[in-house]
Structure formats: C-alpha cells, structure tokens
Amino acid sequence: MEKPTIITADDHPLLLKGLNDFLLERGYNIIGSGCNGQEAYDLIIKENPNIAILDIQMPYLSGIEIAEKCKTDCRETKIILITLHKERELFEQAKELNIFGYILKEFALEEIENCLQTVSKGDYYFSPKISNKLENNSIDTTILDSLTPSERKILKLIGEDKTNKEIASLLFISYRTVEKHRSNIITKLQLEHKTNSLLIWAKENHSKLT
C-alpha cells in the first residue's frame, strides 16, 4: 500500500523538527513543512497532500481556519490537528469541520502513528485522552428533567440541524414561540448566549434526548 503524502506545520521550530524526524525515521512520506498557517495552507494548495498535520495555533491562520478554508474549497486533504487545548468547544468545532484527527500535543508522538494509520483508512481519530475526559463530564440528568416535553422536542430537532423555521413548521407552532423556547432552554441548561452554543450542546447530547 502506497504511503500517504503528508505536510506538517508548527510555529515552534523544535517541535516541528521533532515531529518530522520522528515520522521520517518511520518511513512516512513528508513532502513539505510550514512554520505558520499561511505557509501550511499554501502547501496544501500547491502539493494537495493526502494528510496535513497542523498545530491548532499558528500565526496568520490557525489550524481551525485552515480546515474551514479546505472545507469551503472542497479540498480532499485530511486534516489532523495537534493542540494544547482541551476545551469542549474546540473539540466539537473540529468534528463539525470534518477534521479527521485531533490529538493533544503532550501525547503527539505517542498517538501520531495510530492516528495516521486510522486517518489513512478514511476513519476518524480523536484522542482518547480528550474524548474520555469530555465524556466523563456527563450532564446532570436533573437538568434534562427540568425541560418540558416541548423543549426536549425542540432541542432534539436543533441537534438534527433544523432551523427555527423548520422546527416551527414541524411542530405547528410560530417562529416566535420557537425562539422563546430556545431562550428558555439556554437558561435552563446554563449555557452562554453565544452563537451555536445550543447547537453544539444539542449535538453533543443528542442520544440523551430520545
């Protein structure tokens, strides 16, 4: 089986060299490296690699921003992000952007080969070090119990990417009623009033809403 072509990018020269040396020693096909986000994106455009291993935080363009551009441009390069961050929001954002790999920098050399093998097959690899931690922070069932049947229905539909207009039509209620329910749900779930905060929560806990 032909080795996948890979580009790497990190704004820390020593970390980038360490990653490249590690992969080259194991016979991986590194065809380019960048020291910032713009260089990484330019390499993806020029070389069209099978896989791009990117630091999540870099000058000019972050790993997330590169993934957004690749998704918009319908690029086939599979993105693997290496990060220091363990926030749920970034983890969920990575999933939404169809990022194939997400691993913690502190465990990068420990997990990168397993990640590459998984991603090369077209499967997703999200570091157990992160996913286990987030799954262990399970929601308090009393929070869900505080929702009315209507609110649970709406929350389930939000998790299925339905718009307010579509929800209103499906439940035979007004658009304004849906908005009021959404506001009540956000308050009950103690979420921040940020764009997509309710959508992320609904997707993350969709199985608990059935």
N, C-alpha and C. Protein backbone atom coordinates (compact mmCIF):
# COMPACT_ATOMS: atom_id res chain seq x y z
N MET A 1 0.85 -1.21 0.00
CA MET A 1 0.00 0.00 0.00
C MET A 1 0.88 1.25 0.00
N GLU A 2 0.57 2.18 -0.90
CA GLU A 2 1.38 3.39 -1.04
C GLU A 2 1.23 4.29 0.19
N LYS A 3 2.38 4.81 0.64
CA LYS A 3 2.35 5.70 1.81
C LYS A 3 1.65 7.00 1.46
N PRO A 4 0.82 7.52 2.36
CA PRO A 4 0.15 8.80 2.08
C PRO A 4 1.14 9.95 2.08
N THR A 5 0.89 10.95 1.23
CA THR A 5 1.72 12.15 1.24
C THR A 5 1.26 13.04 2.40
N ILE A 6 2.23 13.63 3.10
CA ILE A 6 1.94 14.39 4.32
C ILE A 6 2.67 15.73 4.31
N ILE A 7 1.96 16.79 4.73
CA ILE A 7 2.65 18.05 5.06
C ILE A 7 2.44 18.31 6.55
N THR A 8 3.39 19.01 7.15
CA THR A 8 3.31 19.33 8.57
C THR A 8 3.48 20.83 8.76
N ALA A 9 2.95 21.35 9.86
CA ALA A 9 3.13 22.78 10.15
C ALA A 9 3.04 23.03 11.64
N ASP A 10 3.99 23.83 12.14
CA ASP A 10 4.02 24.24 13.55
C ASP A 10 4.91 25.46 13.63
N ASP A 11 4.50 26.45 14.43
CA ASP A 11 5.31 27.66 14.52
C ASP A 11 6.43 27.53 15.55
N HIS A 12 6.58 26.37 16.16
CA HIS A 12 7.71 26.11 17.06
C HIS A 12 8.71 25.22 16.31
N PRO A 13 9.86 25.76 15.87
CA PRO A 13 10.81 25.02 15.03
C PRO A 13 11.25 23.69 15.63
N LEU A 14 11.51 23.66 16.94
CA LEU A 14 11.98 22.42 17.57
C LEU A 14 10.91 21.34 17.56
N LEU A 15 9.67 21.75 17.83
CA LEU A 15 8.57 20.78 17.82
C LEU A 15 8.32 20.25 16.41
N LEU A 16 8.42 21.16 15.42
CA LEU A 16 8.23 20.76 14.03
C LEU A 16 9.32 19.78 13.60
N LYS A 17 10.57 20.10 13.94
CA LYS A 17 11.68 19.21 13.59
C LYS A 17 11.53 17.86 14.28
N GLY A 18 11.13 17.89 15.55
CA GLY A 18 10.94 16.64 16.28
C GLY A 18 9.88 15.75 15.66
N LEU A 19 8.78 16.37 15.24
CA LEU A 19 7.70 15.61 14.59
C LEU A 19 8.16 15.05 13.25
N ASN A 20 8.80 15.90 12.45
CA ASN A 20 9.27 15.45 11.14
C ASN A 20 10.30 14.33 11.26
N ASP A 21 11.27 14.50 12.16
CA ASP A 21 12.30 13.46 12.35
C ASP A 21 11.66 12.14 12.77
N PHE A 22 10.70 12.22 13.67
CA PHE A 22 10.02 11.03 14.17
C PHE A 22 9.32 10.30 13.02
N LEU A 23 8.61 11.04 12.18
CA LEU A 23 7.86 10.43 11.08
C LEU A 23 8.78 9.92 9.97
N LEU A 24 9.81 10.70 9.66
CA LEU A 24 10.75 10.28 8.61
C LEU A 24 11.48 9.00 9.00
N GLU A 25 11.85 8.90 10.26
CA GLU A 25 12.53 7.68 10.75
C GLU A 25 11.65 6.45 10.58
N ARG A 26 10.35 6.66 10.58
CA ARG A 26 9.40 5.54 10.46
C ARG A 26 8.88 5.38 9.04
N GLY A 27 9.53 6.08 8.10
CA GLY A 27 9.24 5.87 6.68
C GLY A 27 8.03 6.61 6.13
N TYR A 28 7.54 7.61 6.86
CA TYR A 28 6.40 8.38 6.35
C TYR A 28 6.85 9.37 5.28
N ASN A 29 5.96 9.67 4.36
CA ASN A 29 6.27 10.47 3.18
C ASN A 29 5.96 11.96 3.41
N ILE A 30 6.89 12.67 4.06
CA ILE A 30 6.72 14.11 4.31
C ILE A 30 7.14 14.88 3.06
N ILE A 31 6.23 15.61 2.46
CA ILE A 31 6.55 16.32 1.21
C ILE A 31 6.67 17.83 1.39
N GLY A 32 6.46 18.31 2.63
CA GLY A 32 6.60 19.75 2.87
C GLY A 32 6.29 20.10 4.31
N SER A 33 6.87 21.22 4.77
CA SER A 33 6.62 21.70 6.13
C SER A 33 6.51 23.21 6.14
N GLY A 34 5.62 23.72 7.00
CA GLY A 34 5.46 25.16 7.14
C GLY A 34 5.63 25.59 8.58
N CYS A 35 6.01 26.86 8.79
CA CYS A 35 6.21 27.35 10.16
C CYS A 35 5.12 28.34 10.57
N ASN A 36 4.09 28.48 9.72
CA ASN A 36 2.91 29.28 10.10
C ASN A 36 1.71 28.80 9.29
N GLY A 37 0.54 29.32 9.64
CA GLY A 37 -0.68 28.86 9.00
C GLY A 37 -0.76 29.15 7.51
N GLN A 38 -0.25 30.31 7.11
CA GLN A 38 -0.31 30.67 5.69
C GLN A 38 0.56 29.73 4.85
N GLU A 39 1.77 29.45 5.37
CA GLU A 39 2.66 28.51 4.66
C GLU A 39 2.00 27.13 4.56
N ALA A 40 1.34 26.72 5.63
CA ALA A 40 0.66 25.42 5.64
C ALA A 40 -0.43 25.38 4.57
N TYR A 41 -1.24 26.42 4.53
CA TYR A 41 -2.34 26.44 3.55
C TYR A 41 -1.80 26.49 2.12
N ASP A 42 -0.74 27.28 1.90
CA ASP A 42 -0.12 27.35 0.57
C ASP A 42 0.40 25.98 0.14
N LEU A 43 0.97 25.24 1.10
CA LEU A 43 1.46 23.90 0.79
C LEU A 43 0.32 22.96 0.41
N ILE A 44 -0.79 23.09 1.11
CA ILE A 44 -1.96 22.25 0.79
C ILE A 44 -2.45 22.54 -0.63
N ILE A 45 -2.50 23.84 -0.98
CA ILE A 45 -2.94 24.23 -2.33
C ILE A 45 -1.97 23.71 -3.39
N LYS A 46 -0.67 23.88 -3.12
CA LYS A 46 0.36 23.52 -4.11
C LYS A 46 0.55 22.01 -4.24
N GLU A 47 0.65 21.32 -3.11
CA GLU A 47 1.03 19.90 -3.12
C GLU A 47 -0.16 18.94 -3.08
N ASN A 48 -1.32 19.44 -2.64
CA ASN A 48 -2.51 18.59 -2.50
C ASN A 48 -2.18 17.28 -1.76
N PRO A 49 -1.64 17.38 -0.54
CA PRO A 49 -1.25 16.17 0.18
C PRO A 49 -2.46 15.37 0.63
N ASN A 50 -2.24 14.09 0.90
CA ASN A 50 -3.33 13.27 1.44
C ASN A 50 -3.70 13.71 2.84
N ILE A 51 -2.67 14.08 3.64
CA ILE A 51 -2.86 14.43 5.04
C ILE A 51 -2.06 15.69 5.40
N ALA A 52 -2.65 16.56 6.20
CA ALA A 52 -1.93 17.72 6.74
C ALA A 52 -1.99 17.65 8.26
N ILE A 53 -0.81 17.62 8.90
CA ILE A 53 -0.72 17.60 10.36
C ILE A 53 -0.40 19.03 10.81
N LEU A 54 -1.34 19.68 11.48
CA LEU A 54 -1.23 21.10 11.77
C LEU A 54 -1.34 21.39 13.26
N ASP A 55 -0.50 22.33 13.71
CA ASP A 55 -0.67 22.89 15.06
C ASP A 55 -1.96 23.71 15.01
N ILE A 56 -2.73 23.66 16.08
CA ILE A 56 -4.02 24.37 16.05
C ILE A 56 -3.84 25.89 16.15
N GLN A 57 -2.75 26.34 16.82
CA GLN A 57 -2.49 27.77 16.97
C GLN A 57 -1.22 28.15 16.24
N MET A 58 -1.37 28.94 15.17
CA MET A 58 -0.21 29.41 14.39
C MET A 58 -0.47 30.83 13.92
N PRO A 59 0.59 31.59 13.64
CA PRO A 59 0.40 32.94 13.07
C PRO A 59 -0.29 32.88 11.71
N TYR A 60 -0.98 33.96 11.38
CA TYR A 60 -1.67 34.18 10.09
C TYR A 60 -2.95 33.35 9.93
N LEU A 61 -2.83 32.03 10.06
CA LEU A 61 -4.02 31.18 10.00
C LEU A 61 -3.89 30.08 11.05
N SER A 62 -4.96 29.86 11.81
CA SER A 62 -4.94 28.76 12.78
C SER A 62 -5.27 27.46 12.05
N GLY A 63 -5.03 26.34 12.73
CA GLY A 63 -5.39 25.05 12.15
C GLY A 63 -6.88 24.96 11.85
N ILE A 64 -7.69 25.54 12.73
CA ILE A 64 -9.15 25.56 12.52
C ILE A 64 -9.50 26.37 11.27
N GLU A 65 -8.87 27.53 11.11
CA GLU A 65 -9.15 28.38 9.94
C GLU A 65 -8.73 27.70 8.64
N ILE A 66 -7.61 26.98 8.69
CA ILE A 66 -7.17 26.22 7.51
C ILE A 66 -8.20 25.14 7.17
N ALA A 67 -8.69 24.46 8.21
CA ALA A 67 -9.71 23.42 7.99
C ALA A 67 -10.97 24.02 7.38
N GLU A 68 -11.36 25.21 7.85
CA GLU A 68 -12.55 25.89 7.30
C GLU A 68 -12.35 26.19 5.82
N LYS A 69 -11.15 26.69 5.47
CA LYS A 69 -10.86 27.01 4.06
C LYS A 69 -10.87 25.74 3.20
N CYS A 70 -10.29 24.68 3.72
CA CYS A 70 -10.25 23.42 2.97
C CYS A 70 -11.66 22.87 2.75
N LYS A 71 -12.51 23.02 3.75
CA LYS A 71 -13.89 22.55 3.61
C LYS A 71 -14.63 23.40 2.57
N THR A 72 -14.44 24.72 2.63
CA THR A 72 -15.07 25.62 1.66
C THR A 72 -14.60 25.32 0.24
N ASP A 73 -13.29 25.03 0.10
CA ASP A 73 -12.70 24.77 -1.22
C ASP A 73 -12.88 23.32 -1.67
N CYS A 74 -13.55 22.51 -0.83
CA CYS A 74 -13.75 21.09 -1.13
C CYS A 74 -12.42 20.35 -1.36
N ARG A 75 -11.43 20.71 -0.57
CA ARG A 75 -10.13 20.04 -0.63
C ARG A 75 -10.24 18.64 -0.04
N GLU A 76 -9.53 17.69 -0.63
CA GLU A 76 -9.60 16.31 -0.16
C GLU A 76 -8.56 16.00 0.92
N THR A 77 -7.66 16.94 1.17
CA THR A 77 -6.65 16.74 2.21
C THR A 77 -7.31 16.51 3.56
N LYS A 78 -6.92 15.45 4.22
CA LYS A 78 -7.46 15.15 5.55
C LYS A 78 -6.63 15.88 6.60
N ILE A 79 -7.30 16.64 7.46
CA ILE A 79 -6.63 17.46 8.46
C ILE A 79 -6.51 16.72 9.79
N ILE A 80 -5.28 16.74 10.35
CA ILE A 80 -5.05 16.28 11.73
C ILE A 80 -4.57 17.49 12.52
N LEU A 81 -5.25 17.80 13.61
CA LEU A 81 -4.86 18.92 14.45
C LEU A 81 -4.13 18.43 15.70
N ILE A 82 -3.04 19.13 16.03
CA ILE A 82 -2.32 18.87 17.28
C ILE A 82 -2.50 20.10 18.16
N THR A 83 -2.95 19.90 19.38
CA THR A 83 -3.32 21.05 20.20
C THR A 83 -2.93 20.87 21.66
N LEU A 84 -2.79 22.00 22.33
CA LEU A 84 -2.61 22.02 23.79
C LEU A 84 -3.95 22.16 24.49
N HIS A 85 -5.00 22.47 23.71
CA HIS A 85 -6.29 22.83 24.29
C HIS A 85 -7.19 21.62 24.48
N LYS A 86 -7.92 21.62 25.61
CA LYS A 86 -8.82 20.51 25.92
C LYS A 86 -10.27 20.99 26.02
N GLU A 87 -10.55 22.19 25.50
CA GLU A 87 -11.90 22.74 25.61
C GLU A 87 -12.87 21.98 24.72
N ARG A 88 -14.06 21.73 25.26
CA ARG A 88 -15.10 21.03 24.52
C ARG A 88 -15.48 21.76 23.23
N GLU A 89 -15.52 23.10 23.29
CA GLU A 89 -15.95 23.89 22.14
C GLU A 89 -15.06 23.64 20.93
N LEU A 90 -13.74 23.63 21.14
CA LEU A 90 -12.80 23.38 20.03
C LEU A 90 -12.95 21.95 19.51
N PHE A 91 -13.12 21.03 20.42
CA PHE A 91 -13.29 19.61 20.07
C PHE A 91 -14.51 19.43 19.18
N GLU A 92 -15.62 20.07 19.56
CA GLU A 92 -16.85 19.98 18.78
C GLU A 92 -16.71 20.70 17.44
N GLN A 93 -16.00 21.83 17.46
CA GLN A 93 -15.78 22.58 16.22
C GLN A 93 -14.99 21.73 15.23
N ALA A 94 -14.01 21.01 15.73
CA ALA A 94 -13.21 20.13 14.88
C ALA A 94 -14.09 19.07 14.23
N LYS A 95 -15.01 18.51 14.98
CA LYS A 95 -15.92 17.50 14.44
C LYS A 95 -16.81 18.10 13.35
N GLU A 96 -17.31 19.30 13.60
CA GLU A 96 -18.20 19.96 12.63
C GLU A 96 -17.48 20.26 11.32
N LEU A 97 -16.17 20.51 11.39
CA LEU A 97 -15.39 20.86 10.20
C LEU A 97 -14.85 19.63 9.47
N ASN A 98 -15.29 18.45 9.93
CA ASN A 98 -14.86 17.20 9.30
C ASN A 98 -13.35 16.98 9.40
N ILE A 99 -12.76 17.45 10.52
CA ILE A 99 -11.36 17.20 10.77
C ILE A 99 -11.20 15.73 11.15
N PHE A 100 -10.20 15.07 10.56
CA PHE A 100 -10.08 13.62 10.72
C PHE A 100 -9.33 13.21 11.98
N GLY A 101 -8.40 14.04 12.43
CA GLY A 101 -7.63 13.69 13.61
C GLY A 101 -7.48 14.85 14.57
N TYR A 102 -7.51 14.55 15.87
CA TYR A 102 -7.42 15.61 16.88
C TYR A 102 -6.68 15.01 18.08
N ILE A 103 -5.43 15.44 18.29
CA ILE A 103 -4.63 14.86 19.37
C ILE A 103 -3.95 15.96 20.19
N LEU A 104 -3.67 15.64 21.43
CA LEU A 104 -3.01 16.58 22.33
C LEU A 104 -1.51 16.61 22.07
N LYS A 105 -0.95 17.81 22.10
CA LYS A 105 0.47 17.98 21.81
C LYS A 105 1.34 17.17 22.78
N GLU A 106 0.93 17.12 24.03
CA GLU A 106 1.75 16.40 25.03
C GLU A 106 1.82 14.90 24.77
N PHE A 107 0.84 14.38 23.99
CA PHE A 107 0.85 12.94 23.67
C PHE A 107 1.03 12.71 22.17
N ALA A 108 1.49 13.74 21.45
CA ALA A 108 1.53 13.67 19.98
C ALA A 108 2.36 12.51 19.46
N LEU A 109 3.60 12.36 19.95
CA LEU A 109 4.45 11.29 19.43
C LEU A 109 3.94 9.92 19.85
N GLU A 110 3.25 9.89 20.97
CA GLU A 110 2.67 8.63 21.46
C GLU A 110 1.49 8.19 20.59
N GLU A 111 0.74 9.16 20.07
CA GLU A 111 -0.51 8.84 19.36
C GLU A 111 -0.46 9.02 17.85
N ILE A 112 0.55 9.73 17.35
CA ILE A 112 0.50 10.16 15.93
C ILE A 112 0.48 8.98 14.95
N GLU A 113 1.22 7.92 15.24
CA GLU A 113 1.22 6.79 14.30
C GLU A 113 -0.15 6.11 14.24
N ASN A 114 -0.73 5.89 15.40
CA ASN A 114 -2.08 5.29 15.44
C ASN A 114 -3.06 6.20 14.71
N CYS A 115 -2.92 7.50 14.94
CA CYS A 115 -3.78 8.49 14.28
C CYS A 115 -3.63 8.42 12.77
N LEU A 116 -2.37 8.42 12.28
CA LEU A 116 -2.12 8.39 10.84
C LEU A 116 -2.65 7.11 10.20
N GLN A 117 -2.46 5.99 10.87
CA GLN A 117 -2.95 4.72 10.33
C GLN A 117 -4.48 4.74 10.22
N THR A 118 -5.12 5.30 11.23
CA THR A 118 -6.59 5.38 11.24
C THR A 118 -7.10 6.32 10.14
N VAL A 119 -6.49 7.50 10.07
CA VAL A 119 -6.92 8.51 9.09
C VAL A 119 -6.64 8.05 7.67
N SER A 120 -5.52 7.34 7.46
CA SER A 120 -5.18 6.83 6.12
C SER A 120 -6.24 5.90 5.58
N LYS A 121 -6.96 5.23 6.49
CA LYS A 121 -8.04 4.31 6.07
C LYS A 121 -9.35 5.05 5.83
N GLY A 122 -9.33 6.37 6.08
CA GLY A 122 -10.56 7.15 5.90
C GLY A 122 -11.41 7.23 7.15
N ASP A 123 -10.85 6.77 8.29
CA ASP A 123 -11.58 6.81 9.55
C ASP A 123 -11.11 8.01 10.40
N TYR A 124 -11.86 8.32 11.44
CA TYR A 124 -11.55 9.47 12.30
C TYR A 124 -10.82 9.00 13.56
N TYR A 125 -9.87 9.83 14.00
CA TYR A 125 -9.15 9.54 15.23
C TYR A 125 -9.18 10.77 16.13
N PHE A 126 -9.96 10.68 17.20
CA PHE A 126 -9.99 11.74 18.21
C PHE A 126 -9.38 11.17 19.49
N SER A 127 -8.31 11.79 19.92
CA SER A 127 -7.53 11.29 21.05
C SER A 127 -8.40 10.86 22.22
N PRO A 128 -8.23 9.60 22.67
CA PRO A 128 -8.97 9.15 23.86
C PRO A 128 -8.66 10.02 25.08
N LYS A 129 -7.47 10.63 25.08
CA LYS A 129 -7.07 11.50 26.20
C LYS A 129 -8.04 12.67 26.33
N ILE A 130 -8.61 13.10 25.18
CA ILE A 130 -9.57 14.21 25.21
C ILE A 130 -11.00 13.68 25.33
N SER A 131 -11.36 12.75 24.45
CA SER A 131 -12.75 12.30 24.40
C SER A 131 -13.18 11.65 25.71
N ASN A 132 -12.29 10.88 26.34
CA ASN A 132 -12.64 10.26 27.62
C ASN A 132 -12.90 11.31 28.69
N LYS A 133 -12.07 12.35 28.67
CA LYS A 133 -12.23 13.43 29.66
C LYS A 133 -13.57 14.14 29.47
N LEU A 134 -13.92 14.40 28.22
CA LEU A 134 -15.17 15.12 27.95
C LEU A 134 -16.39 14.25 28.23
N GLU A 135 -16.28 12.97 27.89
CA GLU A 135 -17.40 12.07 28.14
C GLU A 135 -17.64 11.87 29.64
N ASN A 136 -16.55 11.93 30.42
CA ASN A 136 -16.69 11.76 31.87
C ASN A 136 -17.39 12.95 32.51
N ASN A 137 -17.34 14.09 31.83
CA ASN A 137 -18.05 15.27 32.32
C ASN A 137 -19.51 15.19 31.88
N SER A 138 -20.17 14.11 32.25
CA SER A 138 -21.54 13.87 31.78
C SER A 138 -22.50 14.88 32.39
N ILE A 139 -23.59 15.09 31.69
CA ILE A 139 -24.54 16.10 32.14
C ILE A 139 -25.37 15.58 33.31
N ASP A 140 -25.79 16.46 34.11
CA ASP A 140 -26.66 16.14 35.25
C ASP A 140 -28.07 15.88 34.70
N THR A 141 -28.60 14.68 34.96
CA THR A 141 -29.92 14.34 34.41
C THR A 141 -31.02 15.25 34.93
N THR A 142 -30.79 15.86 36.09
CA THR A 142 -31.81 16.76 36.62
C THR A 142 -31.98 17.98 35.72
N ILE A 143 -30.92 18.32 34.99
CA ILE A 143 -31.02 19.45 34.04
C ILE A 143 -32.00 19.09 32.94
N LEU A 144 -31.85 17.88 32.39
CA LEU A 144 -32.77 17.44 31.34
C LEU A 144 -34.20 17.31 31.88
N ASP A 145 -34.32 16.87 33.11
CA ASP A 145 -35.65 16.72 33.72
C ASP A 145 -36.37 18.06 33.86
N SER A 146 -35.59 19.13 33.89
CA SER A 146 -36.20 20.46 34.05
C SER A 146 -36.83 20.96 32.75
N LEU A 147 -36.51 20.29 31.63
CA LEU A 147 -37.06 20.70 30.33
C LEU A 147 -38.46 20.14 30.15
N THR A 148 -39.32 20.94 29.55
CA THR A 148 -40.67 20.47 29.24
C THR A 148 -40.60 19.54 28.02
N PRO A 149 -41.63 18.73 27.78
CA PRO A 149 -41.64 17.87 26.59
C PRO A 149 -41.43 18.65 25.29
N SER A 150 -42.02 19.83 25.21
CA SER A 150 -41.86 20.67 24.01
C SER A 150 -40.41 21.12 23.85
N GLU A 151 -39.81 21.51 24.98
CA GLU A 151 -38.41 21.96 24.93
C GLU A 151 -37.49 20.82 24.52
N ARG A 152 -37.76 19.62 25.00
CA ARG A 152 -36.93 18.46 24.62
C ARG A 152 -37.07 18.16 23.12
N LYS A 153 -38.31 18.27 22.61
CA LYS A 153 -38.52 18.06 21.17
C LYS A 153 -37.73 19.06 20.36
N ILE A 154 -37.80 20.31 20.77
CA ILE A 154 -37.09 21.38 20.05
C ILE A 154 -35.59 21.18 20.12
N LEU A 155 -35.09 20.81 21.30
CA LEU A 155 -33.67 20.57 21.47
C LEU A 155 -33.19 19.43 20.58
N LYS A 156 -34.00 18.38 20.49
CA LYS A 156 -33.67 17.24 19.63
C LYS A 156 -33.60 17.67 18.17
N LEU A 157 -34.53 18.49 17.74
CA LEU A 157 -34.55 18.97 16.35
C LEU A 157 -33.38 19.91 16.07
N ILE A 158 -33.01 20.71 17.06
CA ILE A 158 -31.82 21.58 16.91
C ILE A 158 -30.59 20.72 16.67
N GLY A 159 -30.50 19.61 17.42
CA GLY A 159 -29.37 18.68 17.26
C GLY A 159 -29.36 18.00 15.90
N GLU A 160 -30.49 18.04 15.21
CA GLU A 160 -30.59 17.47 13.86
C GLU A 160 -30.44 18.55 12.78
N ASP A 161 -29.91 19.71 13.22
CA ASP A 161 -29.61 20.84 12.31
C ASP A 161 -30.85 21.49 11.70
N LYS A 162 -31.98 21.38 12.38
CA LYS A 162 -33.19 22.05 11.89
C LYS A 162 -33.14 23.53 12.27
N THR A 163 -33.58 24.37 11.36
CA THR A 163 -33.65 25.80 11.62
C THR A 163 -34.91 26.11 12.44
N ASN A 164 -34.95 27.33 12.98
CA ASN A 164 -36.16 27.74 13.73
C ASN A 164 -37.41 27.64 12.86
N LYS A 165 -37.27 28.03 11.61
CA LYS A 165 -38.41 28.00 10.68
C LYS A 165 -38.88 26.56 10.46
N GLU A 166 -37.91 25.65 10.28
CA GLU A 166 -38.26 24.24 10.06
C GLU A 166 -38.90 23.64 11.32
N ILE A 167 -38.36 24.00 12.49
CA ILE A 167 -38.92 23.49 13.75
C ILE A 167 -40.36 23.97 13.93
N ALA A 168 -40.57 25.25 13.63
CA ALA A 168 -41.92 25.82 13.75
C ALA A 168 -42.90 25.06 12.86
N SER A 169 -42.47 24.76 11.64
CA SER A 169 -43.33 24.05 10.69
C SER A 169 -43.61 22.62 11.16
N LEU A 170 -42.57 21.94 11.64
CA LEU A 170 -42.71 20.54 12.07
C LEU A 170 -43.61 20.40 13.30
N LEU A 171 -43.54 21.39 14.21
CA LEU A 171 -44.30 21.30 15.46
C LEU A 171 -45.59 22.12 15.43
N PHE A 172 -45.87 22.73 14.26
CA PHE A 172 -47.10 23.53 14.09
C PHE A 172 -47.20 24.65 15.14
N ILE A 173 -46.08 25.33 15.34
CA ILE A 173 -46.06 26.49 16.25
C ILE A 173 -45.43 27.66 15.51
N SER A 174 -45.49 28.83 16.11
CA SER A 174 -44.95 30.01 15.43
C SER A 174 -43.43 30.10 15.61
N TYR A 175 -42.82 30.83 14.69
CA TYR A 175 -41.37 31.08 14.73
C TYR A 175 -41.00 31.73 16.07
N ARG A 176 -41.82 32.69 16.51
CA ARG A 176 -41.54 33.40 17.77
C ARG A 176 -41.60 32.45 18.97
N THR A 177 -42.52 31.49 18.92
CA THR A 177 -42.61 30.50 20.01
C THR A 177 -41.34 29.66 20.09
N VAL A 178 -40.81 29.29 18.93
CA VAL A 178 -39.56 28.52 18.89
C VAL A 178 -38.42 29.33 19.51
N GLU A 179 -38.35 30.62 19.15
CA GLU A 179 -37.31 31.49 19.71
C GLU A 179 -37.43 31.58 21.23
N LYS A 180 -38.66 31.69 21.71
CA LYS A 180 -38.89 31.78 23.16
C LYS A 180 -38.45 30.49 23.85
N HIS A 181 -38.79 29.35 23.25
CA HIS A 181 -38.36 28.07 23.79
C HIS A 181 -36.83 27.97 23.82
N ARG A 182 -36.21 28.39 22.74
CA ARG A 182 -34.74 28.34 22.68
C ARG A 182 -34.12 29.14 23.82
N SER A 183 -34.65 30.33 24.04
CA SER A 183 -34.14 31.19 25.11
C SER A 183 -34.31 30.52 26.48
N ASN A 184 -35.47 29.90 26.69
CA ASN A 184 -35.72 29.20 27.95
C ASN A 184 -34.78 28.01 28.14
N ILE A 185 -34.53 27.29 27.04
CA ILE A 185 -33.65 26.11 27.10
C ILE A 185 -32.22 26.55 27.47
N ILE A 186 -31.75 27.61 26.83
CA ILE A 186 -30.40 28.13 27.11
C ILE A 186 -30.27 28.50 28.58
N THR A 187 -31.31 29.11 29.12
CA THR A 187 -31.30 29.50 30.54
C THR A 187 -31.27 28.27 31.44
N LYS A 188 -32.12 27.29 31.13
CA LYS A 188 -32.19 26.08 31.96
C LYS A 188 -30.90 25.26 31.90
N LEU A 189 -30.27 25.23 30.73
CA LEU A 189 -29.03 24.46 30.58
C LEU A 189 -27.80 25.24 31.04
N GLN A 190 -28.05 26.50 31.42
CA GLN A 190 -26.98 27.37 31.91
C GLN A 190 -25.86 27.54 30.87
N LEU A 191 -26.28 27.74 29.62
CA LEU A 191 -25.32 27.94 28.54
C LEU A 191 -25.07 29.43 28.34
N GLU A 192 -23.92 29.72 27.75
CA GLU A 192 -23.63 31.11 27.41
C GLU A 192 -24.44 31.48 26.17
N HIS A 193 -24.84 32.74 26.11
CA HIS A 193 -25.62 33.21 24.95
C HIS A 193 -24.67 33.53 23.79
N LYS A 194 -24.05 32.47 23.28
CA LYS A 194 -23.11 32.61 22.16
C LYS A 194 -23.68 31.89 20.95
N THR A 195 -23.24 32.32 19.77
CA THR A 195 -23.67 31.66 18.54
C THR A 195 -23.30 30.19 18.58
N ASN A 196 -24.25 29.34 18.26
CA ASN A 196 -24.05 27.89 18.16
C ASN A 196 -23.86 27.16 19.49
N SER A 197 -23.91 27.87 20.63
CA SER A 197 -23.71 27.16 21.90
C SER A 197 -24.79 26.10 22.12
N LEU A 198 -26.04 26.44 21.75
CA LEU A 198 -27.14 25.49 21.92
C LEU A 198 -27.03 24.34 20.91
N LEU A 199 -26.62 24.67 19.68
CA LEU A 199 -26.45 23.64 18.64
C LEU A 199 -25.38 22.64 19.07
N ILE A 200 -24.25 23.14 19.55
CA ILE A 200 -23.15 22.26 19.99
C ILE A 200 -23.63 21.35 21.12
N TRP A 201 -24.34 21.94 22.09
CA TRP A 201 -24.83 21.15 23.23
C TRP A 201 -25.81 20.08 22.75
N ALA A 202 -26.71 20.47 21.85
CA ALA A 202 -27.73 19.54 21.36
C ALA A 202 -27.10 18.38 20.58
N LYS A 203 -26.08 18.66 19.79
CA LYS A 203 -25.39 17.61 19.03
C LYS A 203 -24.64 16.67 19.98
N GLU A 204 -23.99 17.27 20.94
CA GLU A 204 -23.17 16.52 21.89
C GLU A 204 -24.01 15.58 22.75
N ASN A 205 -25.24 15.98 23.06
CA ASN A 205 -26.10 15.21 23.95
C ASN A 205 -27.33 14.64 23.25
N HIS A 206 -27.25 14.54 21.94
CA HIS A 206 -28.41 14.14 21.13
C HIS A 206 -28.97 12.78 21.56
N SER A 207 -28.09 11.84 21.88
CA SER A 207 -28.54 10.49 22.24
C SER A 207 -29.35 10.48 23.53
N LYS A 208 -29.14 11.50 24.38
CA LYS A 208 -29.85 11.56 25.65
C LYS A 208 -31.24 12.18 25.52
N LEU A 209 -31.55 12.68 24.32
CA LEU A 209 -32.81 13.39 24.12
C LEU A 209 -33.88 12.52 23.49
N THR A 210 -33.56 11.27 23.19
CA THR A 210 -34.53 10.39 22.54
C THR A 210 -35.53 9.83 23.55
